[in-house]
Protein backbone atom coordinates (compact mmCIF):
# COMPACT_ATOMS: atom_id res chain seq x y z
CA MET A 1 -7.21 4.43 10.38
CA GLN A 2 -4.94 1.42 10.12
CA SER A 3 -1.78 0.53 8.26
CA LEU A 4 -1.87 -1.38 5.00
CA GLN A 5 -0.03 -4.21 6.79
CA ASN A 6 -3.09 -4.84 9.01
CA THR A 7 -5.73 -4.70 6.26
CA PRO A 8 -7.82 -7.80 5.53
CA PHE A 9 -7.20 -9.52 2.17
CA GLY A 10 -9.51 -9.02 -0.78
CA LYS A 11 -11.10 -5.78 0.36
CA LYS A 12 -10.58 -2.57 -1.61
CA GLN A 13 -9.63 0.44 0.48
CA ILE A 14 -8.91 4.13 -0.10
CA VAL A 15 -5.44 5.42 0.82
CA LYS A 16 -5.83 8.12 3.49
CA TRP A 17 -2.19 9.18 3.73
CA VAL A 18 1.37 8.04 3.07
CA THR A 19 4.39 8.86 5.23
CA GLY A 20 8.06 8.54 4.47
CA THR A 21 11.00 10.38 3.01
CA GLY A 22 10.77 12.24 -0.27
CA ILE A 23 12.26 9.42 -2.33
CA GLN A 24 9.99 6.77 -0.78
CA LYS A 25 6.87 8.86 -1.32
CA ASP A 26 7.90 9.66 -4.89
CA LEU A 27 8.37 5.97 -5.71
CA LEU A 28 4.99 5.06 -4.22
CA GLU A 29 3.32 7.86 -6.18
CA GLN A 30 4.95 6.64 -9.41
CA ILE A 31 3.28 3.24 -9.03
CA GLY A 32 -0.07 4.84 -8.17
CA ILE A 33 -0.10 4.63 -4.38
CA ARG A 34 -1.12 8.11 -3.28
CA GLN A 35 -3.77 9.74 -1.13
CA GLY A 36 -7.29 9.09 -2.44
CA GLU A 37 -6.38 6.09 -4.63
CA GLU A 38 -8.09 2.72 -4.33
CA ILE A 39 -5.83 -0.16 -3.28
CA GLU A 40 -6.52 -3.83 -2.59
CA VAL A 41 -4.44 -6.15 -0.42
CA VAL A 42 -4.19 -9.43 -2.32
CA ALA A 43 -1.95 -11.50 -0.02
CA SER A 44 0.95 -11.49 2.40
CA TYR A 45 4.02 -13.71 1.96
CA PHE A 46 7.13 -13.82 4.14
CA GLY A 47 6.66 -10.27 5.38
CA ASN A 48 5.78 -8.82 1.98
CA THR A 49 2.32 -7.39 1.37
CA ILE A 50 1.02 -7.98 -2.16
CA VAL A 51 -1.25 -5.15 -3.31
CA SER A 52 -3.18 -4.40 -6.48
CA VAL A 53 -3.25 -0.82 -7.77
CA HIS A 54 -5.02 -0.11 -11.08
CA GLY A 55 -4.95 -3.85 -11.85
CA ILE A 56 -1.19 -4.20 -11.37
CA ARG A 57 0.24 -6.16 -8.44
CA TYR A 58 3.17 -4.98 -6.35
CA ALA A 59 5.03 -6.54 -3.41
CA LEU A 60 5.67 -4.06 -0.60
CA GLY A 61 8.01 -4.73 2.31
CA THR A 62 6.71 -4.51 5.87
CA ASP A 63 8.35 -1.14 6.46
CA VAL A 64 6.69 0.35 3.37
CA ALA A 65 3.28 -1.20 4.09
CA GLU A 66 3.38 0.30 7.60
CA ARG A 67 3.78 3.79 6.10
CA ILE A 68 0.53 3.56 4.13
CA ARG A 69 -2.64 4.34 6.10
CA ILE A 70 -6.13 3.44 5.00
């Protein structure tokens, strides 16, 4: 298992688990990032990881991307 931060671009992965406080996990679940969901890393700019979930792109900070394991 590796963090989302270290995932190669353009490859779809399945989220294995997400760590963090209740509020952080709730926010990630609201945008569709939860255990068992498919996620794709699109790019990385200035410490932000750009991901695609259900066809919608989101920018995640380094600290958040490190909490997501695939």
